Amino acid sequence: MRPGDRTVALASVVGGFLLGVLDFCWIKWLPFPVAELGNSTATWAVAAFFFGYRVRSGWLRAALGATVLLVVAVPSYYLAATLLQGDDLAVLWAPSSLVWMFFGVLAGVVFGTAGTWARGTGWRQVVGAALPAAVFFEEAVRFAGKATHPNYSSSMWWNVAIDIALGLLIVALTGRSHRQRALALAVAVPLAAVILVSFALVGGALS
């Protein structure tokens, strides 16, 4: 049974608050390399994906709900940092927070929609299942770059392995057949390349 508008709205707000607070706690108190899962754009994107996947609603409500989830999560994260670590409360409305909320809108629409697609059929199911794997694979490439850089620890290879494993796990869980899983993995690789280039362009524009 599909949830109503109020249920989706409440779930997105409460879920966003919990995502932000628990993500900060995860980073602060769990050891490396597990803590890096909290400090991960892929993790937040996949949270939006699973919101759309679990809502079992139309793509529009899933996209809007996932967007609210990520936008609410940003100030919730910084509020937790203020209450638990004594950070300045003004960071909640700092330009950097607004930038992350903007990216939350983009990621919410894309990955919330992908979550509904992953429950569908045909090419939409393949692309929907491929997107969350692609963000983990893309992040694995960035971690690999850090692991080979002298300013970072070689233990970053653990993060590479974790991201690849999580990407494979998502495809295994969302695919309904070996064929669908194989197609999703094949699509995830070029999608990861597109995301990697996009990150490089955005990083260059913001620097």
Protein backbone atom coordinates (compact mmCIF):
# COMPACT_ATOMS: atom_id res chain seq x y z
CA MET A 1 0.00 0.00 0.00
CA ARG A 2 1.31 3.43 -0.91
CA PRO A 3 1.69 5.98 1.91
CA GLY A 4 -0.24 9.25 1.83
CA ASP A 5 1.21 12.72 1.36
CA ARG A 6 1.30 13.42 5.11
CA THR A 7 3.13 10.17 5.81
CA VAL A 8 5.73 10.88 3.13
CA ALA A 9 6.19 14.46 4.37
CA LEU A 10 6.57 13.38 8.00
CA ALA A 11 8.97 10.58 7.08
CA SER A 12 11.14 12.96 5.05
CA VAL A 13 11.39 15.57 7.83
CA VAL A 14 11.98 13.08 10.65
CA GLY A 15 14.29 11.01 8.48
CA GLY A 16 16.30 14.09 7.51
CA PHE A 17 16.69 15.13 11.14
CA LEU A 18 17.85 11.65 12.12
CA LEU A 19 20.19 11.41 9.12
CA GLY A 20 21.93 14.66 10.03
CA VAL A 21 22.24 13.97 13.76
CA LEU A 22 23.21 10.31 13.48
CA ASP A 23 25.68 11.07 10.69
CA PHE A 24 27.50 13.53 12.92
CA CYS A 25 27.53 11.02 15.79
CA TRP A 26 28.78 8.32 13.42
CA ILE A 27 31.73 10.46 12.31
CA LYS A 28 32.55 11.68 15.81
CA TRP A 29 32.52 8.43 17.74
CA LEU A 30 33.15 5.52 15.38
CA PRO A 31 36.71 4.54 14.43
CA PHE A 32 38.38 4.82 11.04
CA PRO A 33 37.69 3.51 8.40
CA VAL A 34 34.03 2.96 9.31
CA ALA A 35 33.66 6.61 10.34
CA GLU A 36 34.37 7.68 6.78
CA LEU A 37 31.00 6.28 5.73
CA GLY A 38 29.44 9.21 7.57
CA ASN A 39 31.74 11.73 5.91
CA SER A 40 30.55 10.55 2.51
CA THR A 41 28.49 12.18 -0.20
CA ALA A 42 27.67 8.70 -1.49
CA THR A 43 26.07 7.70 1.81
CA TRP A 44 23.73 10.69 1.75
CA ALA A 45 22.85 10.11 -1.90
CA VAL A 46 22.05 6.47 -1.18
CA ALA A 47 19.90 7.54 1.79
CA ALA A 48 17.79 9.51 -0.72
CA PHE A 49 17.71 6.46 -2.99
CA PHE A 50 16.41 4.19 -0.25
CA PHE A 51 13.83 6.79 0.75
CA GLY A 52 12.43 6.64 -2.78
CA TYR A 53 12.80 2.86 -2.83
CA ARG A 54 10.91 2.34 0.45
CA VAL A 55 8.20 4.97 -0.07
CA ARG A 56 6.63 2.90 -2.86
CA SER A 57 5.05 6.04 -4.24
CA GLY A 58 5.09 7.90 -7.51
CA TRP A 59 8.41 9.33 -8.62
CA LEU A 60 7.35 12.93 -7.92
CA ARG A 61 6.49 12.35 -4.27
CA ALA A 62 9.59 10.20 -3.85
CA ALA A 63 11.79 12.93 -5.38
CA LEU A 64 10.23 15.67 -3.25
CA GLY A 65 10.45 13.58 -0.10
CA ALA A 66 14.07 12.63 -0.73
CA THR A 67 14.89 16.29 -1.39
CA VAL A 68 13.36 17.36 1.92
CA LEU A 69 15.25 14.51 3.62
CA LEU A 70 18.64 15.79 2.43
CA VAL A 71 17.89 19.49 2.89
CA VAL A 72 16.71 18.95 6.48
CA ALA A 73 19.72 16.72 7.17
CA VAL A 74 22.21 19.55 6.53
CA PRO A 75 21.15 21.94 9.35
CA SER A 76 20.43 18.92 11.57
CA TYR A 77 24.05 17.84 11.15
CA TYR A 78 25.37 21.28 12.10
CA LEU A 79 22.89 21.55 14.98
CA ALA A 80 24.26 18.28 16.35
CA ALA A 81 27.78 19.69 15.96
CA THR A 82 26.72 22.73 18.00
CA LEU A 83 25.07 20.74 20.78
CA LEU A 84 27.58 17.89 21.02
CA GLN A 85 30.84 19.59 20.08
CA GLY A 86 30.28 23.26 20.82
CA ASP A 87 30.55 24.47 17.21
CA ASP A 88 29.26 27.91 16.28
CA LEU A 89 25.51 27.85 15.63
CA ALA A 90 25.96 30.43 12.85
CA VAL A 91 27.27 27.68 10.56
CA LEU A 92 23.64 26.58 10.09
CA TRP A 93 23.05 29.53 7.75
CA ALA A 94 26.59 29.94 6.47
CA PRO A 95 27.12 29.96 2.67
CA SER A 96 28.71 26.50 2.81
CA SER A 97 25.53 25.11 4.42
CA LEU A 98 23.39 26.68 1.71
CA VAL A 99 25.62 25.13 -0.95
CA TRP A 100 25.19 21.67 0.61
CA MET A 101 21.42 22.19 0.76
CA PHE A 102 21.45 23.11 -2.93
CA PHE A 103 23.28 19.89 -3.74
CA GLY A 104 20.77 18.13 -1.49
CA VAL A 105 18.01 19.31 -3.80
CA LEU A 106 19.82 17.94 -6.86
CA ALA A 107 20.69 14.63 -5.20
CA GLY A 108 17.22 14.26 -3.72
CA VAL A 109 15.51 14.60 -7.08
CA VAL A 110 17.92 12.27 -8.89
CA PHE A 111 18.29 9.55 -6.27
CA GLY A 112 14.75 9.72 -4.94
CA THR A 113 13.54 9.11 -8.48
CA ALA A 114 16.13 6.35 -8.93
CA GLY A 115 14.70 4.61 -5.87
CA THR A 116 11.28 4.36 -7.50
CA TRP A 117 12.82 3.29 -10.81
CA ALA A 118 14.67 0.44 -9.09
CA ARG A 119 11.28 -1.08 -8.25
CA GLY A 120 10.11 -0.82 -11.85
CA THR A 121 10.93 -2.75 -14.98
CA GLY A 122 12.97 -2.37 -18.15
CA TRP A 123 15.71 0.22 -18.55
CA ARG A 124 14.43 2.33 -15.64
CA GLN A 125 14.98 -0.56 -13.24
CA VAL A 126 18.52 -1.02 -14.53
CA VAL A 127 19.42 2.68 -14.27
CA GLY A 128 17.69 3.00 -10.89
CA ALA A 129 19.70 0.13 -9.42
CA ALA A 130 22.91 1.34 -11.09
CA LEU A 131 22.90 4.89 -9.70
CA PRO A 132 23.53 4.13 -5.99
CA ALA A 133 26.24 1.65 -6.96
CA ALA A 134 27.77 4.27 -9.26
CA VAL A 135 28.16 6.86 -6.46
CA PHE A 136 29.93 4.31 -4.29
CA PHE A 137 32.19 3.27 -7.17
CA GLU A 138 32.96 6.92 -7.94
CA GLU A 139 33.82 7.58 -4.32
CA ALA A 140 36.02 4.49 -4.31
CA VAL A 141 38.03 6.02 -7.16
CA ARG A 142 38.48 9.25 -5.19
CA PHE A 143 39.57 7.28 -2.12
CA ALA A 144 42.03 5.35 -4.27
CA GLY A 145 43.52 8.65 -5.42
CA LYS A 146 43.99 9.71 -1.80
CA ALA A 147 45.46 6.32 -0.83
CA THR A 148 48.26 6.81 -3.37
CA HIS A 149 48.89 10.42 -2.34
CA PRO A 150 51.75 11.06 0.14
CA ASN A 151 49.57 13.40 2.23
CA TYR A 152 47.11 10.59 3.00
CA SER A 153 47.42 7.23 4.73
CA SER A 154 47.57 4.07 2.66
CA SER A 155 44.87 2.74 4.99
CA MET A 156 42.43 4.65 2.77
CA TRP A 157 42.42 1.45 0.71
CA TRP A 158 40.01 0.13 3.34
CA ASN A 159 37.55 2.81 2.27
CA VAL A 160 38.01 1.79 -1.36
CA ALA A 161 37.12 -1.79 -0.47
CA ILE A 162 34.12 -0.75 1.65
CA ASP A 163 32.68 1.47 -1.09
CA ILE A 164 33.05 -1.21 -3.75
CA ALA A 165 31.46 -3.79 -1.45
CA LEU A 166 28.52 -1.51 -0.69
CA GLY A 167 27.99 -0.78 -4.37
CA LEU A 168 27.91 -4.49 -5.17
CA LEU A 169 25.60 -5.15 -2.22
CA ILE A 170 23.04 -2.58 -3.39
CA VAL A 171 22.95 -4.11 -6.86
CA ALA A 172 22.55 -7.57 -5.33
CA LEU A 173 19.66 -6.43 -3.13
CA THR A 174 17.75 -4.40 -5.71
CA GLY A 175 18.20 -6.67 -8.73
CA ARG A 176 15.56 -9.34 -9.29
CA SER A 177 17.65 -11.59 -11.49
CA HIS A 178 21.28 -12.22 -12.37
CA ARG A 179 20.68 -10.52 -15.72
CA GLN A 180 19.34 -7.35 -14.09
CA ARG A 181 22.25 -7.27 -11.67
CA ALA A 182 24.78 -7.71 -14.46
CA LEU A 183 23.18 -4.94 -16.50
CA ALA A 184 23.07 -2.62 -13.48
CA LEU A 185 26.78 -3.18 -12.83
CA ALA A 186 27.58 -2.55 -16.49
CA VAL A 187 25.64 0.73 -16.41
CA ALA A 188 27.09 1.75 -13.03
CA VAL A 189 30.64 1.98 -14.39
CA PRO A 190 30.04 4.74 -16.99
CA LEU A 191 27.68 6.49 -14.57
CA ALA A 192 30.48 6.50 -12.00
CA ALA A 193 32.75 8.14 -14.58
CA VAL A 194 30.13 10.83 -15.26
CA ILE A 195 29.77 11.52 -11.52
CA LEU A 196 33.56 11.67 -11.12
CA VAL A 197 33.86 14.26 -13.88
CA SER A 198 30.96 16.23 -12.40
CA PHE A 199 32.67 16.32 -9.00
CA ALA A 200 35.87 17.56 -10.64
CA LEU A 201 34.00 20.32 -12.48
CA VAL A 202 32.07 21.41 -9.39
CA GLY A 203 35.21 21.35 -7.27
CA GLY A 204 37.00 23.49 -9.83
CA ALA A 205 34.12 25.96 -9.95
CA LEU A 206 33.99 26.30 -6.16
CA SER A 207 37.75 26.60 -5.66
